[in-house]
Amino acid sequence: TDAIYSSIGDGDIGTHFPNTDEAN
C-alpha cells in the first residue's frame, strides 16, 4: 500500500489511516 501511495506522491498509510483513529 505504501509503495503505491509513494509512486503517486500521495502520503502514506498513516496519512490515510492513522493508528490513532479507532475506526482503523
PDB file of all heavy atoms in Angstrom:
ATOM      1  N   THR A   1       0.842  -1.206   0.000  1.00  0.00           N
ATOM      2  CA  THR A   1       0.000   0.000   0.000  1.00  0.00           C
ATOM      3  C   THR A   1       0.873   1.251   0.000  1.00  0.00           C
ATOM      4  O   THR A   1       0.635   2.183  -0.786  1.00  0.00           O
ATOM      5  CB  THR A   1      -0.945  -0.016   1.224  1.00  0.00           C
ATOM      6  OG1 THR A   1      -1.793  -1.165   1.138  1.00  0.00           O
ATOM      7  CG2 THR A   1      -1.775   1.250   1.306  1.00  0.00           C
ATOM      8  N   ASP A   2       1.890   1.280   0.848  1.00  0.00           N
ATOM      9  CA  ASP A   2       2.784   2.441   0.893  1.00  0.00           C
ATOM     10  C   ASP A   2       3.569   2.601  -0.403  1.00  0.00           C
ATOM     11  O   ASP A   2       3.832   3.729  -0.832  1.00  0.00           O
ATOM     12  CB  ASP A   2       3.743   2.343   2.081  1.00  0.00           C
ATOM     13  CG  ASP A   2       3.164   2.970   3.349  1.00  0.00           C
ATOM     14  OD1 ASP A   2       2.160   3.706   3.248  1.00  0.00           O
ATOM     15  OD2 ASP A   2       3.732   2.735   4.422  1.00  0.00           O
ATOM     16  N   ALA A   3       3.929   1.518  -1.053  1.00  0.00           N
ATOM     17  CA  ALA A   3       4.637   1.617  -2.339  1.00  0.00           C
ATOM     18  C   ALA A   3       3.743   2.274  -3.386  1.00  0.00           C
ATOM     19  O   ALA A   3       4.214   3.082  -4.194  1.00  0.00           O
ATOM     20  CB  ALA A   3       5.094   0.234  -2.805  1.00  0.00           C
ATOM     21  N   ILE A   4       2.466   1.960  -3.370  1.00  0.00           N
ATOM     22  CA  ILE A   4       1.531   2.575  -4.329  1.00  0.00           C
ATOM     23  C   ILE A   4       1.342   4.051  -4.003  1.00  0.00           C
ATOM     24  O   ILE A   4       1.422   4.906  -4.899  1.00  0.00           O
ATOM     25  CB  ILE A   4       0.194   1.810  -4.345  1.00  0.00           C
ATOM     26  CG1 ILE A   4       0.420   0.402  -4.896  1.00  0.00           C
ATOM     27  CG2 ILE A   4      -0.850   2.568  -5.177  1.00  0.00           C
ATOM     28  CD1 ILE A   4      -0.743  -0.542  -4.688  1.00  0.00           C
ATOM     29  N   TYR A   5       1.098   4.375  -2.728  1.00  0.00           N
ATOM     30  CA  TYR A   5       0.990   5.789  -2.351  1.00  0.00           C
ATOM     31  C   TYR A   5       2.261   6.542  -2.736  1.00  0.00           C
ATOM     32  O   TYR A   5       2.203   7.666  -3.242  1.00  0.00           O
ATOM     33  CB  TYR A   5       0.757   5.942  -0.844  1.00  0.00           C
ATOM     34  CG  TYR A   5      -0.627   5.602  -0.349  1.00  0.00           C
ATOM     35  CD1 TYR A   5      -0.799   4.884   0.831  1.00  0.00           C
ATOM     36  CD2 TYR A   5      -1.770   6.026  -1.017  1.00  0.00           C
ATOM     37  CE1 TYR A   5      -2.062   4.585   1.324  1.00  0.00           C
ATOM     38  CE2 TYR A   5      -3.036   5.721  -0.532  1.00  0.00           C
ATOM     39  CZ  TYR A   5      -3.177   5.004   0.638  1.00  0.00           C
ATOM     40  OH  TYR A   5      -4.428   4.712   1.114  1.00  0.00           O
ATOM     41  N   SER A   6       3.414   5.952  -2.504  1.00  0.00           N
ATOM     42  CA  SER A   6       4.686   6.587  -2.839  1.00  0.00           C
ATOM     43  C   SER A   6       4.790   6.871  -4.330  1.00  0.00           C
ATOM     44  O   SER A   6       5.233   7.946  -4.739  1.00  0.00           O
ATOM     45  CB  SER A   6       5.841   5.676  -2.389  1.00  0.00           C
ATOM     46  OG  SER A   6       7.081   6.155  -2.846  1.00  0.00           O
ATOM     47  N   SER A   7       4.371   5.923  -5.130  1.00  0.00           N
ATOM     48  CA  SER A   7       4.508   6.085  -6.584  1.00  0.00           C
ATOM     49  C   SER A   7       3.659   7.234  -7.120  1.00  0.00           C
ATOM     50  O   SER A   7       4.017   7.846  -8.123  1.00  0.00           O
ATOM     51  CB  SER A   7       4.167   4.786  -7.313  1.00  0.00           C
ATOM     52  OG  SER A   7       2.788   4.519  -7.211  1.00  0.00           O
ATOM     53  N   ILE A   8       2.542   7.527  -6.464  1.00  0.00           N
ATOM     54  CA  ILE A   8       1.686   8.620  -6.932  1.00  0.00           C
ATOM     55  C   ILE A   8       1.857   9.880  -6.089  1.00  0.00           C
ATOM     56  O   ILE A   8       1.141  10.869  -6.293  1.00  0.00           O
ATOM     57  CB  ILE A   8       0.200   8.195  -7.005  1.00  0.00           C
ATOM     58  CG1 ILE A   8      -0.345   7.790  -5.636  1.00  0.00           C
ATOM     59  CG2 ILE A   8       0.010   7.088  -8.037  1.00  0.00           C
ATOM     60  CD1 ILE A   8      -1.851   7.540  -5.588  1.00  0.00           C
ATOM     61  N   GLY A   9       2.777   9.840  -5.130  1.00  0.00           N
ATOM     62  CA  GLY A   9       3.047  11.019  -4.292  1.00  0.00           C
ATOM     63  C   GLY A   9       1.872  11.393  -3.406  1.00  0.00           C
ATOM     64  O   GLY A   9       1.539  12.572  -3.270  1.00  0.00           O
ATOM     65  N   ASP A  10       1.253  10.407  -2.778  1.00  0.00           N
ATOM     66  CA  ASP A  10       0.020  10.633  -2.031  1.00  0.00           C
ATOM     67  C   ASP A  10       0.152  10.188  -0.571  1.00  0.00           C
ATOM     68  O   ASP A  10      -0.618   9.379  -0.081  1.00  0.00           O
ATOM     69  CB  ASP A  10      -1.122   9.875  -2.721  1.00  0.00           C
ATOM     70  CG  ASP A  10      -2.496  10.258  -2.188  1.00  0.00           C
ATOM     71  OD1 ASP A  10      -2.629  11.315  -1.530  1.00  0.00           O
ATOM     72  OD2 ASP A  10      -3.448   9.496  -2.442  1.00  0.00           O
ATOM     73  N   GLY A  11       1.144  10.708   0.120  1.00  0.00           N
ATOM     74  CA  GLY A  11       1.302  10.402   1.534  1.00  0.00           C
ATOM     75  C   GLY A  11       1.688   8.958   1.775  1.00  0.00           C
ATOM     76  O   GLY A  11       2.399   8.347   0.987  1.00  0.00           O
ATOM     77  N   ASP A  12       1.165   8.406   2.870  1.00  0.00           N
ATOM     78  CA  ASP A  12       1.445   7.015   3.215  1.00  0.00           C
ATOM     79  C   ASP A  12       0.252   6.452   3.967  1.00  0.00           C
ATOM     80  O   ASP A  12      -0.749   7.142   4.179  1.00  0.00           O
ATOM     81  CB  ASP A  12       2.746   6.888   4.018  1.00  0.00           C
ATOM     82  CG  ASP A  12       2.738   7.684   5.316  1.00  0.00           C
ATOM     83  OD1 ASP A  12       1.654   7.942   5.882  1.00  0.00           O
ATOM     84  OD2 ASP A  12       3.822   8.052   5.776  1.00  0.00           O
ATOM     85  N   ILE A  13       0.357   5.210   4.367  1.00  0.00           N
ATOM     86  CA  ILE A  13      -0.762   4.537   5.024  1.00  0.00           C
ATOM     87  C   ILE A  13      -1.173   5.261   6.313  1.00  0.00           C
ATOM     88  O   ILE A  13      -2.353   5.347   6.630  1.00  0.00           O
ATOM     89  CB  ILE A  13      -0.424   3.047   5.256  1.00  0.00           C
ATOM     90  CG1 ILE A  13      -1.688   2.222   5.453  1.00  0.00           C
ATOM     91  CG2 ILE A  13       0.559   2.866   6.383  1.00  0.00           C
ATOM     92  CD1 ILE A  13      -1.440   0.721   5.389  1.00  0.00           C
ATOM     93  N   GLY A  14      -0.206   5.815   7.029  1.00  0.00           N
ATOM     94  CA  GLY A  14      -0.511   6.545   8.261  1.00  0.00           C
ATOM     95  C   GLY A  14      -1.231   7.861   8.004  1.00  0.00           C
ATOM     96  O   GLY A  14      -1.995   8.329   8.843  1.00  0.00           O
ATOM     97  N   THR A  15      -1.010   8.463   6.844  1.00  0.00           N
ATOM     98  CA  THR A  15      -1.713   9.686   6.463  1.00  0.00           C
ATOM     99  C   THR A  15      -3.200   9.403   6.255  1.00  0.00           C
ATOM    100  O   THR A  15      -4.061  10.154   6.712  1.00  0.00           O
ATOM    101  CB  THR A  15      -1.130  10.258   5.149  1.00  0.00           C
ATOM    102  OG1 THR A  15       0.261  10.497   5.315  1.00  0.00           O
ATOM    103  CG2 THR A  15      -1.829  11.533   4.735  1.00  0.00           C
ATOM    104  N   HIS A  16      -3.465   8.312   5.536  1.00  0.00           N
ATOM    105  CA  HIS A  16      -4.842   7.978   5.170  1.00  0.00           C
ATOM    106  C   HIS A  16      -5.582   7.192   6.257  1.00  0.00           C
ATOM    107  O   HIS A  16      -6.803   7.302   6.360  1.00  0.00           O
ATOM    108  CB  HIS A  16      -4.858   7.188   3.862  1.00  0.00           C
ATOM    109  CG  HIS A  16      -4.314   7.967   2.709  1.00  0.00           C
ATOM    110  ND1 HIS A  16      -5.046   8.931   2.059  1.00  0.00           N
ATOM    111  CD2 HIS A  16      -3.097   7.951   2.106  1.00  0.00           C
ATOM    112  CE1 HIS A  16      -4.310   9.471   1.100  1.00  0.00           C
ATOM    113  NE2 HIS A  16      -3.126   8.888   1.112  1.00  0.00           N
ATOM    114  N   PHE A  17      -4.840   6.386   7.028  1.00  0.00           N
ATOM    115  CA  PHE A  17      -5.445   5.514   8.043  1.00  0.00           C
ATOM    116  C   PHE A  17      -4.625   5.566   9.334  1.00  0.00           C
ATOM    117  O   PHE A  17      -3.956   4.603   9.692  1.00  0.00           O
ATOM    118  CB  PHE A  17      -5.518   4.063   7.530  1.00  0.00           C
ATOM    119  CG  PHE A  17      -6.330   3.920   6.280  1.00  0.00           C
ATOM    120  CD1 PHE A  17      -5.708   3.903   5.041  1.00  0.00           C
ATOM    121  CD2 PHE A  17      -7.711   3.809   6.343  1.00  0.00           C
ATOM    122  CE1 PHE A  17      -6.451   3.772   3.874  1.00  0.00           C
ATOM    123  CE2 PHE A  17      -8.458   3.683   5.184  1.00  0.00           C
ATOM    124  CZ  PHE A  17      -7.834   3.665   3.938  1.00  0.00           C
ATOM    125  N   PRO A  18      -4.666   6.679  10.053  1.00  0.00           N
ATOM    126  CA  PRO A  18      -3.827   6.813  11.255  1.00  0.00           C
ATOM    127  C   PRO A  18      -4.185   5.776  12.331  1.00  0.00           C
ATOM    128  O   PRO A  18      -5.359   5.456  12.529  1.00  0.00           O
ATOM    129  CB  PRO A  18      -4.106   8.234  11.745  1.00  0.00           C
ATOM    130  CG  PRO A  18      -5.342   8.669  11.060  1.00  0.00           C
ATOM    131  CD  PRO A  18      -5.495   7.852   9.818  1.00  0.00           C
ATOM    132  N   ASN A  19      -3.137   5.301  13.015  1.00  0.00           N
ATOM    133  CA  ASN A  19      -3.386   4.314  14.074  1.00  0.00           C
ATOM    134  C   ASN A  19      -3.934   4.967  15.345  1.00  0.00           C
ATOM    135  O   ASN A  19      -4.209   4.271  16.317  1.00  0.00           O
ATOM    136  CB  ASN A  19      -2.141   3.472  14.365  1.00  0.00           C
ATOM    137  CG  ASN A  19      -1.000   4.285  14.908  1.00  0.00           C
ATOM    138  OD1 ASN A  19      -1.125   5.465  15.201  1.00  0.00           O
ATOM    139  ND2 ASN A  19       0.152   3.654  15.044  1.00  0.00           N
ATOM    140  N   THR A  20      -4.126   6.260  15.316  1.00  0.00           N
ATOM    141  CA  THR A  20      -4.764   6.962  16.422  1.00  0.00           C
ATOM    142  C   THR A  20      -6.282   7.021  16.250  1.00  0.00           C
ATOM    143  O   THR A  20      -6.987   7.463  17.148  1.00  0.00           O
ATOM    144  CB  THR A  20      -4.204   8.395  16.537  1.00  0.00           C
ATOM    145  OG1 THR A  20      -4.366   9.046  15.272  1.00  0.00           O
ATOM    146  CG2 THR A  20      -2.735   8.369  16.929  1.00  0.00           C
ATOM    147  N   ASP A  21      -6.769   6.588  15.088  1.00  0.00           N
ATOM    148  CA  ASP A  21      -8.201   6.603  14.780  1.00  0.00           C
ATOM    149  C   ASP A  21      -8.781   5.226  15.105  1.00  0.00           C
ATOM    150  O   ASP A  21      -8.409   4.227  14.495  1.00  0.00           O
ATOM    151  CB  ASP A  21      -8.405   6.929  13.304  1.00  0.00           C
ATOM    152  CG  ASP A  21      -9.858   7.074  12.913  1.00  0.00           C
ATOM    153  OD1 ASP A  21     -10.747   6.649  13.679  1.00  0.00           O
ATOM    154  OD2 ASP A  21     -10.108   7.598  11.806  1.00  0.00           O
ATOM    155  N   GLU A  22      -9.702   5.186  16.076  1.00  0.00           N
ATOM    156  CA  GLU A  22     -10.296   3.912  16.487  1.00  0.00           C
ATOM    157  C   GLU A  22     -11.065   3.232  15.355  1.00  0.00           C
ATOM    158  O   GLU A  22     -11.296   2.019  15.405  1.00  0.00           O
ATOM    159  CB  GLU A  22     -11.189   4.105  17.714  1.00  0.00           C
ATOM    160  CG  GLU A  22     -10.398   4.239  18.997  1.00  0.00           C
ATOM    161  CD  GLU A  22      -9.469   3.048  19.263  1.00  0.00           C
ATOM    162  OE1 GLU A  22      -9.928   1.890  19.239  1.00  0.00           O
ATOM    163  OE2 GLU A  22      -8.267   3.284  19.489  1.00  0.00           O
ATOM    164  N   ALA A  23     -11.460   3.977  14.329  1.00  0.00           N
ATOM    165  CA  ALA A  23     -12.140   3.377  13.182  1.00  0.00           C
ATOM    166  C   ALA A  23     -11.224   2.400  12.446  1.00  0.00           C
ATOM    167  O   ALA A  23     -11.704   1.525  11.717  1.00  0.00           O
ATOM    168  CB  ALA A  23     -12.627   4.460  12.220  1.00  0.00           C
ATOM    169  N   ASN A  24      -9.912   2.548  12.636  1.00  0.00           N
ATOM    170  CA  ASN A  24      -8.953   1.664  11.967  1.00  0.00           C
ATOM    171  C   ASN A  24      -8.554   0.470  12.825  1.00  0.00           C
ATOM    172  O   ASN A  24      -7.806  -0.393  12.370  1.00  0.00           O
ATOM    173  CB  ASN A  24      -7.710   2.451  11.564  1.00  0.00           C
ATOM    174  CG  ASN A  24      -8.049   3.543  10.583  1.00  0.00           C
ATOM    175  OD1 ASN A  24      -8.873   3.355   9.695  1.00  0.00           O
ATOM    176  ND2 ASN A  24      -7.434   4.698  10.746  1.00  0.00           N
TER     177      ASN A  24
END
